[in-house]
């Protein structure tokens, strides 16, 4: 692939994954009932609601999971992958494209939580104002993942629960998402 195609594919991935990140923030914030008065929560709601409101009329939430946002995130991953295949001049098979987009979304969700937990645990080591909007939002999003291990992996004054959850997320990326990505790629390319 030429340098120009590499740059163009990077820009396509960056644009699509930024929008998917916004949608995943919406899903995670709703699922964990993050504080709506948080300015970051309001930002996420304000910029995702115009697109999600019509879809939510047809596809309502399931429990506290915003299915409309998940569907839109998957469709964006599908479109991103289709554009990347078009850049190299390949027409993928539809079944492979569907599996590949689903696998990429799963991998992105795992990476999303990995980055959030790492950032939250890193910020919690410093004297940061606990009322800071970013820390409050991220803290409420990662709390459900850390809750089962709260107080169980403490040695001295160090809580190893975030590290244990990050290891589980990394293993899920290696053992679940990576094989699905390989399967989707093989199916898309007809191998």
N, C-alpha and C. Protein backbone atom coordinates (compact mmCIF):
# COMPACT_ATOMS: atom_id res chain seq x y z
N UNK A 1 0.86 -1.18 0.00
CA UNK A 1 0.00 0.00 0.00
C UNK A 1 0.90 1.24 0.00
N UNK A 2 0.51 2.24 -0.74
CA UNK A 2 1.32 3.44 -0.84
C UNK A 2 1.19 4.28 0.43
N UNK A 3 2.08 5.23 0.54
CA UNK A 3 2.08 6.10 1.72
C UNK A 3 0.80 6.92 1.81
N UNK A 4 0.30 7.34 0.66
CA UNK A 4 -0.94 8.13 0.65
C UNK A 4 -2.12 7.28 1.12
N UNK A 5 -2.18 6.03 0.67
CA UNK A 5 -3.26 5.14 1.11
C UNK A 5 -3.16 4.84 2.61
N UNK A 6 -1.93 4.69 3.10
CA UNK A 6 -1.74 4.49 4.54
C UNK A 6 -2.26 5.68 5.33
N UNK A 7 -1.92 6.87 4.86
CA UNK A 7 -2.38 8.08 5.56
C UNK A 7 -3.90 8.21 5.49
N UNK A 8 -4.46 7.92 4.34
CA UNK A 8 -5.91 8.01 4.18
C UNK A 8 -6.63 6.98 5.04
N UNK A 9 -6.11 5.77 5.09
CA UNK A 9 -6.73 4.75 5.93
C UNK A 9 -6.62 5.10 7.41
N UNK A 10 -5.50 5.72 7.81
CA UNK A 10 -5.37 6.15 9.20
C UNK A 10 -6.41 7.22 9.53
N UNK A 11 -6.61 8.17 8.62
CA UNK A 11 -7.60 9.22 8.85
C UNK A 11 -9.02 8.66 8.90
N UNK A 12 -9.31 7.69 8.05
CA UNK A 12 -10.64 7.06 8.07
C UNK A 12 -10.86 6.35 9.40
N UNK A 13 -9.86 5.57 9.83
CA UNK A 13 -9.99 4.87 11.10
C UNK A 13 -10.14 5.84 12.26
N UNK A 14 -9.37 6.90 12.25
CA UNK A 14 -9.43 7.90 13.33
C UNK A 14 -10.81 8.55 13.40
N UNK A 15 -11.35 8.93 12.26
CA UNK A 15 -12.66 9.59 12.24
C UNK A 15 -13.76 8.65 12.73
N UNK A 16 -13.79 7.45 12.20
CA UNK A 16 -14.84 6.51 12.59
C UNK A 16 -14.72 6.10 14.06
N UNK A 17 -13.49 5.86 14.52
CA UNK A 17 -13.32 5.42 15.89
C UNK A 17 -13.58 6.54 16.90
N UNK A 18 -13.41 7.79 16.50
CA UNK A 18 -13.78 8.90 17.38
C UNK A 18 -15.29 8.92 17.61
N UNK A 19 -16.06 8.71 16.55
CA UNK A 19 -17.51 8.69 16.67
C UNK A 19 -17.96 7.46 17.46
N UNK A 20 -17.33 6.32 17.22
CA UNK A 20 -17.66 5.10 17.96
C UNK A 20 -17.34 5.28 19.44
N UNK A 21 -16.25 5.97 19.75
CA UNK A 21 -15.91 6.25 21.15
C UNK A 21 -16.99 7.07 21.81
N UNK A 22 -17.49 8.07 21.12
CA UNK A 22 -18.57 8.90 21.66
C UNK A 22 -19.82 8.05 21.91
N UNK A 23 -20.14 7.15 20.99
CA UNK A 23 -21.30 6.28 21.18
C UNK A 23 -21.09 5.30 22.33
N UNK A 24 -19.89 4.77 22.47
CA UNK A 24 -19.61 3.86 23.58
C UNK A 24 -19.64 4.58 24.92
N UNK A 25 -19.20 5.83 24.94
CA UNK A 25 -19.34 6.62 26.16
C UNK A 25 -20.80 6.77 26.53
N UNK A 26 -21.65 6.97 25.52
CA UNK A 26 -23.08 7.09 25.77
C UNK A 26 -23.65 5.79 26.34
N UNK A 27 -23.28 4.67 25.74
CA UNK A 27 -23.76 3.37 26.21
C UNK A 27 -23.29 3.11 27.64
N UNK A 28 -22.00 3.33 27.88
CA UNK A 28 -21.44 3.06 29.21
C UNK A 28 -22.01 4.00 30.27
N UNK A 29 -22.17 5.26 29.93
CA UNK A 29 -22.71 6.22 30.90
C UNK A 29 -24.16 5.90 31.26
N UNK A 30 -24.94 5.49 30.28
CA UNK A 30 -26.33 5.12 30.57
C UNK A 30 -26.40 3.82 31.36
N UNK A 31 -25.54 2.87 31.01
CA UNK A 31 -25.58 1.56 31.67
C UNK A 31 -25.21 1.65 33.14
N UNK A 32 -24.26 2.54 33.46
CA UNK A 32 -23.83 2.64 34.87
C UNK A 32 -24.49 3.82 35.58
N UNK A 33 -25.43 4.44 34.90
CA UNK A 33 -26.16 5.58 35.47
C UNK A 33 -25.21 6.69 35.95
N UNK A 34 -24.36 7.11 35.05
CA UNK A 34 -23.44 8.20 35.37
C UNK A 34 -24.23 9.47 35.63
N UNK A 35 -23.64 10.37 36.38
CA UNK A 35 -24.28 11.62 36.75
C UNK A 35 -24.58 12.43 35.49
N UNK A 36 -25.85 12.68 35.24
CA UNK A 36 -26.22 13.42 34.03
C UNK A 36 -25.83 14.89 34.13
N UNK A 37 -25.68 15.41 35.34
CA UNK A 37 -25.31 16.81 35.50
C UNK A 37 -23.84 17.07 35.23
N UNK A 38 -23.07 16.01 35.05
CA UNK A 38 -21.66 16.15 34.70
C UNK A 38 -21.57 16.80 33.33
N UNK A 39 -20.74 17.83 33.17
CA UNK A 39 -20.64 18.50 31.85
C UNK A 39 -20.23 17.55 30.73
N UNK A 40 -19.40 16.56 31.02
CA UNK A 40 -19.00 15.61 29.98
C UNK A 40 -20.16 14.70 29.59
N UNK A 41 -20.97 14.31 30.55
CA UNK A 41 -22.16 13.50 30.24
C UNK A 41 -23.12 14.30 29.36
N UNK A 42 -23.28 15.57 29.68
CA UNK A 42 -24.16 16.41 28.87
C UNK A 42 -23.61 16.60 27.46
N UNK A 43 -22.27 16.72 27.34
CA UNK A 43 -21.64 16.83 26.02
C UNK A 43 -21.92 15.58 25.19
N UNK A 44 -21.72 14.41 25.78
CA UNK A 44 -21.95 13.15 25.08
C UNK A 44 -23.41 13.04 24.68
N UNK A 45 -24.31 13.37 25.59
CA UNK A 45 -25.74 13.28 25.31
C UNK A 45 -26.13 14.26 24.19
N UNK A 46 -25.63 15.48 24.27
CA UNK A 46 -26.00 16.52 23.31
C UNK A 46 -25.59 16.14 21.89
N UNK A 47 -24.42 15.52 21.73
CA UNK A 47 -23.93 15.23 20.39
C UNK A 47 -24.33 13.85 19.86
N UNK A 48 -24.86 12.99 20.71
CA UNK A 48 -25.32 11.69 20.22
C UNK A 48 -26.83 11.61 20.11
N UNK A 49 -27.53 12.42 20.85
CA UNK A 49 -28.99 12.32 20.87
C UNK A 49 -29.67 12.62 19.53
N UNK A 50 -29.23 13.63 18.75
CA UNK A 50 -29.92 13.86 17.48
C UNK A 50 -29.90 12.66 16.53
N UNK A 51 -28.84 11.86 16.60
CA UNK A 51 -28.74 10.69 15.73
C UNK A 51 -29.47 9.50 16.35
N UNK A 52 -29.38 9.37 17.67
CA UNK A 52 -29.93 8.19 18.34
C UNK A 52 -31.43 8.28 18.59
N UNK A 53 -31.98 9.47 18.73
CA UNK A 53 -33.40 9.61 19.06
C UNK A 53 -34.32 8.93 18.04
N UNK A 54 -34.12 9.11 16.73
CA UNK A 54 -35.00 8.40 15.79
C UNK A 54 -34.83 6.88 15.84
N UNK A 55 -33.61 6.42 16.05
CA UNK A 55 -33.36 4.97 16.10
C UNK A 55 -33.99 4.38 17.35
N UNK A 56 -33.96 5.13 18.45
CA UNK A 56 -34.49 4.62 19.72
C UNK A 56 -36.00 4.46 19.68
N UNK A 57 -36.67 5.15 18.77
CA UNK A 57 -38.11 4.94 18.63
C UNK A 57 -38.41 3.54 18.10
N UNK A 58 -37.51 3.03 17.26
CA UNK A 58 -37.68 1.71 16.67
C UNK A 58 -37.00 0.63 17.53
N UNK A 59 -35.85 0.97 18.09
CA UNK A 59 -35.05 0.01 18.85
C UNK A 59 -34.83 0.56 20.27
N UNK A 60 -35.74 0.26 21.19
CA UNK A 60 -35.62 0.81 22.54
C UNK A 60 -34.49 0.14 23.33
N UNK A 61 -34.21 0.72 24.48
CA UNK A 61 -33.19 0.16 25.37
C UNK A 61 -33.61 -1.21 25.85
N UNK A 62 -32.62 -2.04 26.11
CA UNK A 62 -32.84 -3.32 26.76
C UNK A 62 -32.19 -3.21 28.13
N UNK A 63 -33.03 -3.25 29.16
CA UNK A 63 -32.60 -2.95 30.52
C UNK A 63 -31.98 -1.56 30.51
N UNK A 64 -30.69 -1.45 30.78
CA UNK A 64 -30.06 -0.12 30.73
C UNK A 64 -29.07 -0.02 29.58
N UNK A 65 -29.15 -0.94 28.63
CA UNK A 65 -28.22 -0.95 27.50
C UNK A 65 -28.87 -0.25 26.32
N UNK A 66 -28.18 0.76 25.81
CA UNK A 66 -28.68 1.54 24.68
C UNK A 66 -28.38 0.77 23.39
N UNK A 67 -29.36 -0.02 22.94
CA UNK A 67 -29.16 -0.85 21.75
C UNK A 67 -29.01 -0.02 20.49
N UNK A 68 -29.64 1.14 20.44
CA UNK A 68 -29.53 2.00 19.26
C UNK A 68 -28.09 2.48 19.08
N UNK A 69 -27.44 2.85 20.17
CA UNK A 69 -26.05 3.30 20.09
C UNK A 69 -25.12 2.15 19.71
N UNK A 70 -25.39 0.96 20.23
CA UNK A 70 -24.58 -0.20 19.87
C UNK A 70 -24.75 -0.56 18.39
N UNK A 71 -25.99 -0.51 17.92
CA UNK A 71 -26.25 -0.78 16.51
C UNK A 71 -25.54 0.23 15.62
N UNK A 72 -25.63 1.50 15.98
CA UNK A 72 -24.98 2.53 15.19
C UNK A 72 -23.46 2.37 15.22
N UNK A 73 -22.90 2.01 16.37
CA UNK A 73 -21.45 1.78 16.47
C UNK A 73 -21.04 0.62 15.57
N UNK A 74 -21.85 -0.45 15.56
CA UNK A 74 -21.53 -1.59 14.70
C UNK A 74 -21.63 -1.20 13.22
N UNK A 75 -22.65 -0.43 12.86
CA UNK A 75 -22.79 0.01 11.48
C UNK A 75 -21.63 0.90 11.05
N UNK A 76 -21.15 1.73 11.98
CA UNK A 76 -19.99 2.57 11.66
C UNK A 76 -18.74 1.73 11.46
N UNK A 77 -18.57 0.69 12.27
CA UNK A 77 -17.43 -0.21 12.08
C UNK A 77 -17.55 -0.94 10.74
N UNK A 78 -18.76 -1.30 10.36
CA UNK A 78 -19.01 -1.95 9.08
C UNK A 78 -18.65 -1.02 7.92
N UNK A 79 -19.11 0.22 8.01
CA UNK A 79 -18.82 1.20 6.96
C UNK A 79 -17.34 1.51 6.90
N UNK A 80 -16.70 1.61 8.06
CA UNK A 80 -15.25 1.87 8.09
C UNK A 80 -14.50 0.76 7.38
N UNK A 81 -14.85 -0.48 7.70
CA UNK A 81 -14.16 -1.63 7.10
C UNK A 81 -14.43 -1.68 5.60
N UNK A 82 -15.66 -1.35 5.18
CA UNK A 82 -16.00 -1.34 3.75
C UNK A 82 -15.18 -0.28 3.01
N UNK A 83 -15.02 0.89 3.62
CA UNK A 83 -14.20 1.95 3.00
C UNK A 83 -12.74 1.53 2.92
N UNK A 84 -12.23 0.87 3.96
CA UNK A 84 -10.83 0.43 3.94
C UNK A 84 -10.60 -0.65 2.89
N UNK A 85 -11.58 -1.54 2.71
CA UNK A 85 -11.46 -2.53 1.65
C UNK A 85 -11.53 -1.85 0.28
N UNK A 86 -12.38 -0.84 0.15
CA UNK A 86 -12.50 -0.12 -1.13
C UNK A 86 -11.20 0.60 -1.47
N UNK A 87 -10.50 1.08 -0.47
CA UNK A 87 -9.23 1.77 -0.71
C UNK A 87 -8.20 0.85 -1.37
N UNK A 88 -8.21 -0.41 -0.99
CA UNK A 88 -7.24 -1.34 -1.58
C UNK A 88 -7.82 -2.09 -2.78
N UNK A 89 -9.06 -1.76 -3.14
CA UNK A 89 -9.67 -2.33 -4.33
C UNK A 89 -10.19 -3.74 -4.15
N UNK A 90 -10.66 -4.08 -2.97
CA UNK A 90 -11.18 -5.42 -2.69
C UNK A 90 -12.66 -5.31 -2.34
N UNK A 91 -13.45 -6.19 -2.92
CA UNK A 91 -14.86 -6.26 -2.56
C UNK A 91 -15.04 -7.44 -1.60
N UNK A 92 -15.30 -7.14 -0.31
CA UNK A 92 -15.42 -8.24 0.65
C UNK A 92 -16.75 -8.96 0.53
N UNK A 93 -16.77 -10.18 1.02
CA UNK A 93 -18.02 -10.94 1.08
C UNK A 93 -18.85 -10.41 2.25
N UNK A 94 -20.17 -10.32 2.07
CA UNK A 94 -21.02 -9.71 3.10
C UNK A 94 -20.96 -10.40 4.46
N UNK A 95 -20.96 -11.73 4.50
CA UNK A 95 -20.94 -12.44 5.79
C UNK A 95 -19.63 -12.13 6.52
N UNK A 96 -18.54 -12.15 5.80
CA UNK A 96 -17.25 -11.85 6.41
C UNK A 96 -17.18 -10.42 6.90
N UNK A 97 -17.77 -9.51 6.14
CA UNK A 97 -17.79 -8.10 6.54
C UNK A 97 -18.60 -7.91 7.82
N UNK A 98 -19.71 -8.61 7.94
CA UNK A 98 -20.54 -8.53 9.14
C UNK A 98 -19.79 -9.06 10.35
N UNK A 99 -19.16 -10.22 10.20
CA UNK A 99 -18.40 -10.82 11.31
C UNK A 99 -17.21 -9.93 11.66
N UNK A 100 -16.53 -9.41 10.66
CA UNK A 100 -15.36 -8.56 10.89
C UNK A 100 -15.75 -7.28 11.63
N UNK A 101 -16.85 -6.67 11.25
CA UNK A 101 -17.30 -5.45 11.94
C UNK A 101 -17.69 -5.75 13.38
N UNK A 102 -18.35 -6.87 13.60
CA UNK A 102 -18.71 -7.26 14.96
C UNK A 102 -17.46 -7.52 15.81
N UNK A 103 -16.49 -8.21 15.22
CA UNK A 103 -15.24 -8.50 15.94
C UNK A 103 -14.47 -7.21 16.23
N UNK A 104 -14.45 -6.28 15.27
CA UNK A 104 -13.76 -5.02 15.50
C UNK A 104 -14.45 -4.20 16.60
N UNK A 105 -15.77 -4.24 16.62
CA UNK A 105 -16.49 -3.53 17.68
C UNK A 105 -16.19 -4.15 19.04
N UNK A 106 -16.20 -5.47 19.12
CA UNK A 106 -15.86 -6.14 20.38
C UNK A 106 -14.45 -5.78 20.83
N UNK A 107 -13.50 -5.84 19.91
CA UNK A 107 -12.12 -5.49 20.24
C UNK A 107 -12.01 -4.04 20.68
N UNK A 108 -12.75 -3.16 20.01
CA UNK A 108 -12.72 -1.74 20.36
C UNK A 108 -13.33 -1.49 21.74
N UNK A 109 -14.40 -2.21 22.08
CA UNK A 109 -15.02 -2.07 23.40
C UNK A 109 -14.04 -2.53 24.48
N UNK A 110 -13.36 -3.64 24.25
CA UNK A 110 -12.38 -4.13 25.22
C UNK A 110 -11.23 -3.14 25.37
N UNK A 111 -10.75 -2.58 24.26
CA UNK A 111 -9.69 -1.58 24.32
C UNK A 111 -10.17 -0.31 25.00
N UNK A 112 -11.40 0.08 24.74
CA UNK A 112 -12.02 1.26 25.35
C UNK A 112 -11.99 1.14 26.88
N UNK A 113 -12.45 0.00 27.39
CA UNK A 113 -12.44 -0.20 28.84
C UNK A 113 -11.03 -0.33 29.38
N UNK A 114 -10.13 -0.92 28.62
CA UNK A 114 -8.74 -1.04 29.06
C UNK A 114 -8.12 0.34 29.25
N UNK A 115 -8.33 1.22 28.28
CA UNK A 115 -7.78 2.58 28.37
C UNK A 115 -8.43 3.35 29.51
N UNK A 116 -9.75 3.22 29.67
CA UNK A 116 -10.44 3.93 30.75
C UNK A 116 -9.94 3.48 32.13
N UNK A 117 -9.79 2.18 32.32
CA UNK A 117 -9.33 1.67 33.62
C UNK A 117 -7.89 2.10 33.88
N UNK A 118 -7.05 2.04 32.85
CA UNK A 118 -5.66 2.46 33.02
C UNK A 118 -5.58 3.94 33.37
N UNK A 119 -6.31 4.77 32.61
CA UNK A 119 -6.30 6.20 32.88
C UNK A 119 -6.86 6.54 34.25
N UNK A 120 -7.97 5.89 34.62
CA UNK A 120 -8.59 6.14 35.92
C UNK A 120 -7.65 5.75 37.06
N UNK A 121 -7.00 4.57 36.94
CA UNK A 121 -6.10 4.14 38.01
C UNK A 121 -4.87 5.00 38.07
N UNK A 122 -4.40 5.48 36.93
CA UNK A 122 -3.24 6.37 36.92
C UNK A 122 -3.59 7.71 37.57
N UNK A 123 -4.74 8.26 37.22
CA UNK A 123 -5.15 9.54 37.82
C UNK A 123 -5.44 9.40 39.31
N UNK A 124 -5.90 8.24 39.74
CA UNK A 124 -6.22 8.07 41.16
C UNK A 124 -4.97 8.01 42.03
N UNK A 125 -3.81 7.80 41.43
CA UNK A 125 -2.56 7.78 42.21
C UNK A 125 -2.08 9.18 42.55
N UNK A 126 -2.57 10.18 41.84
CA UNK A 126 -2.14 11.55 42.06
C UNK A 126 -3.20 12.32 42.83
N UNK A 127 -2.80 13.43 43.38
CA UNK A 127 -3.74 14.27 44.13
C UNK A 127 -4.56 15.09 43.15
N UNK A 128 -5.59 14.46 42.61
CA UNK A 128 -6.47 15.10 41.64
C UNK A 128 -7.79 15.39 42.35
N UNK A 129 -8.38 16.52 42.00
CA UNK A 129 -9.68 16.88 42.57
C UNK A 129 -10.72 15.83 42.18
N UNK A 130 -11.31 15.17 43.14
CA UNK A 130 -12.29 14.10 42.88
C UNK A 130 -13.57 14.63 42.25
N UNK A 131 -13.79 15.94 42.29
CA UNK A 131 -14.99 16.51 41.68
C UNK A 131 -14.77 16.85 40.21
N UNK A 132 -13.57 16.60 39.71
CA UNK A 132 -13.25 16.89 38.32
C UNK A 132 -14.16 16.04 37.41
N UNK A 133 -14.81 16.65 36.42
CA UNK A 133 -15.82 15.94 35.62
C UNK A 133 -15.30 14.67 34.92
N UNK A 134 -14.11 14.73 34.38
CA UNK A 134 -13.57 13.56 33.68
C UNK A 134 -13.37 12.40 34.64
N UNK A 135 -12.79 12.67 35.79
CA UNK A 135 -12.55 11.62 36.77
C UNK A 135 -13.86 11.03 37.30
N UNK A 136 -14.86 11.88 37.49
CA UNK A 136 -16.17 11.39 37.96
C UNK A 136 -16.83 10.49 36.92
N UNK A 137 -16.80 10.91 35.66
CA UNK A 137 -17.43 10.12 34.60
C UNK A 137 -16.71 8.79 34.41
N UNK A 138 -15.39 8.83 34.30
CA UNK A 138 -14.64 7.60 34.10
C UNK A 138 -14.77 6.69 35.32
N UNK A 139 -14.75 7.26 36.50
CA UNK A 139 -14.91 6.47 37.72
C UNK A 139 -16.24 5.74 37.76
N UNK A 140 -17.29 6.41 37.33
CA UNK A 140 -18.61 5.75 37.33
C UNK A 140 -18.71 4.70 36.23
N UNK A 141 -17.97 4.86 35.14
CA UNK A 141 -18.00 3.88 34.05
C UNK A 141 -17.21 2.62 34.40
N UNK A 142 -16.06 2.79 35.06
CA UNK A 142 -15.24 1.62 35.39
C UNK A 142 -15.67 0.94 36.68
N UNK A 143 -16.47 1.59 37.50
CA UNK A 143 -16.88 1.01 38.79
C UNK A 143 -17.55 -0.36 38.67
N UNK A 144 -18.45 -0.59 37.71
CA UNK A 144 -19.07 -1.93 37.63
C UNK A 144 -18.07 -3.05 37.35
N UNK A 145 -17.01 -2.75 36.61
CA UNK A 145 -16.00 -3.77 36.33
C UNK A 145 -15.13 -4.05 37.55
N UNK A 146 -14.89 -3.02 38.34
CA UNK A 146 -14.01 -3.17 39.51
C UNK A 146 -14.75 -3.63 40.76
N UNK A 147 -16.05 -3.46 40.77
CA UNK A 147 -16.85 -3.77 41.97
C UNK A 147 -16.67 -5.20 42.49
N UNK A 148 -16.63 -6.24 41.64
CA UNK A 148 -16.47 -7.60 42.20
C UNK A 148 -15.15 -7.81 42.93
N UNK A 149 -14.13 -7.01 42.61
CA UNK A 149 -12.82 -7.20 43.23
C UNK A 149 -12.50 -6.15 44.29
N UNK A 150 -13.44 -5.27 44.59
CA UNK A 150 -13.19 -4.22 45.58
C UNK A 150 -12.77 -4.81 46.92
N UNK A 151 -11.63 -4.37 47.40
CA UNK A 151 -11.15 -4.78 48.71
C UNK A 151 -10.57 -6.17 48.78
N UNK A 152 -10.52 -6.90 47.67
CA UNK A 152 -10.05 -8.28 47.69
C UNK A 152 -8.60 -8.44 47.24
N UNK A 153 -8.08 -7.48 46.50
CA UNK A 153 -6.72 -7.58 45.98
C UNK A 153 -5.84 -6.42 46.46
N UNK A 154 -5.91 -6.15 47.74
CA UNK A 154 -5.13 -5.05 48.30
C UNK A 154 -3.91 -5.62 49.01
N UNK A 155 -2.76 -5.09 48.66
CA UNK A 155 -1.50 -5.45 49.33
C UNK A 155 -0.85 -4.15 49.79
N UNK A 156 -0.71 -3.99 51.08
CA UNK A 156 -0.23 -2.72 51.62
C UNK A 156 -1.30 -1.68 51.39
N UNK A 157 -0.95 -0.62 50.70
CA UNK A 157 -1.92 0.42 50.35
C UNK A 157 -2.24 0.42 48.86
N UNK A 158 -1.86 -0.64 48.18
CA UNK A 158 -2.05 -0.69 46.73
C UNK A 158 -3.17 -1.66 46.40
N UNK A 159 -4.12 -1.17 45.60
CA UNK A 159 -5.24 -2.00 45.15
C UNK A 159 -4.89 -2.55 43.77
N UNK A 160 -4.80 -3.86 43.66
CA UNK A 160 -4.44 -4.50 42.41
C UNK A 160 -5.67 -4.89 41.58
N UNK A 161 -6.85 -4.49 41.99
CA UNK A 161 -8.07 -4.81 41.24
C UNK A 161 -8.04 -4.25 39.82
N UNK A 162 -7.63 -2.98 39.61
CA UNK A 162 -7.58 -2.50 38.23
C UNK A 162 -6.62 -3.31 37.35
N UNK A 163 -5.50 -3.72 37.92
CA UNK A 163 -4.54 -4.51 37.14
C UNK A 163 -5.14 -5.87 36.77
N UNK A 164 -5.84 -6.49 37.71
CA UNK A 164 -6.46 -7.79 37.43
C UNK A 164 -7.53 -7.66 36.34
N UNK A 165 -8.33 -6.60 36.40
CA UNK A 165 -9.36 -6.40 35.37
C UNK A 165 -8.70 -6.11 34.02
N UNK A 166 -7.61 -5.35 34.01
CA UNK A 166 -6.92 -5.08 32.75
C UNK A 166 -6.33 -6.36 32.16
N UNK A 167 -5.84 -7.26 33.00
CA UNK A 167 -5.32 -8.54 32.49
C UNK A 167 -6.44 -9.36 31.88
N UNK A 168 -7.61 -9.38 32.52
CA UNK A 168 -8.76 -10.11 31.97
C UNK A 168 -9.18 -9.49 30.62
N UNK A 169 -9.18 -8.17 30.54
CA UNK A 169 -9.54 -7.51 29.28
C UNK A 169 -8.53 -7.83 28.18
N UNK A 170 -7.24 -7.83 28.53
CA UNK A 170 -6.21 -8.18 27.55
C UNK A 170 -6.36 -9.63 27.08
N UNK A 171 -6.64 -10.54 28.02
CA UNK A 171 -6.86 -11.93 27.65
C UNK A 171 -8.09 -12.08 26.75
N UNK A 172 -9.13 -11.32 27.03
CA UNK A 172 -10.32 -11.36 26.18
C UNK A 172 -10.01 -10.86 24.77
N UNK A 173 -9.15 -9.86 24.67
CA UNK A 173 -8.74 -9.38 23.35
C UNK A 173 -7.96 -10.45 22.60
N UNK A 174 -7.09 -11.15 23.33
CA UNK A 174 -6.25 -12.17 22.69
C UNK A 174 -7.01 -13.45 22.36
N UNK A 175 -7.89 -13.87 23.27
CA UNK A 175 -8.53 -15.18 23.12
C UNK A 175 -9.92 -15.14 22.49
N UNK A 176 -10.56 -13.98 22.49
CA UNK A 176 -11.91 -13.89 21.91
C UNK A 176 -11.92 -12.98 20.68
N UNK A 177 -11.45 -11.75 20.84
CA UNK A 177 -11.55 -10.78 19.75
C UNK A 177 -10.60 -11.11 18.60
N UNK A 178 -9.36 -11.49 18.90
CA UNK A 178 -8.40 -11.77 17.83
C UNK A 178 -8.83 -12.94 16.95
N UNK A 179 -9.28 -14.08 17.52
CA UNK A 179 -9.76 -15.15 16.63
C UNK A 179 -10.98 -14.74 15.79
N UNK A 180 -11.87 -13.93 16.38
CA UNK A 180 -13.02 -13.44 15.60
C UNK A 180 -12.58 -12.52 14.47
N UNK A 181 -11.58 -11.67 14.75
CA UNK A 181 -11.04 -10.80 13.70
C UNK A 181 -10.43 -11.63 12.57
N UNK A 182 -9.68 -12.68 12.93
CA UNK A 182 -9.09 -13.55 11.91
C UNK A 182 -10.18 -14.25 11.09
N UNK A 183 -11.20 -14.77 11.79
CA UNK A 183 -12.30 -15.44 11.10
C UNK A 183 -13.01 -14.48 10.15
N UNK A 184 -13.31 -13.27 10.63
CA UNK A 184 -13.98 -12.29 9.80
C UNK A 184 -13.17 -11.89 8.59
N UNK A 185 -11.85 -11.76 8.78
CA UNK A 185 -10.99 -11.41 7.66
C UNK A 185 -10.95 -12.54 6.62
N UNK A 186 -10.84 -13.78 7.11
CA UNK A 186 -10.84 -14.92 6.17
C UNK A 186 -12.17 -15.00 5.42
N UNK A 187 -13.28 -14.82 6.12
CA UNK A 187 -14.58 -14.88 5.46
C UNK A 187 -14.77 -13.73 4.48
N UNK A 188 -14.28 -12.53 4.86
CA UNK A 188 -14.45 -11.37 3.98
C UNK A 188 -13.63 -11.49 2.70
N UNK A 189 -12.45 -12.08 2.84
CA UNK A 189 -11.58 -12.21 1.67
C UNK A 189 -11.81 -13.50 0.92
N UNK A 190 -12.69 -14.35 1.43
CA UNK A 190 -13.03 -15.58 0.72
C UNK A 190 -12.03 -16.69 0.92
N UNK A 191 -11.29 -16.63 2.04
CA UNK A 191 -10.28 -17.67 2.27
C UNK A 191 -10.75 -18.83 3.07
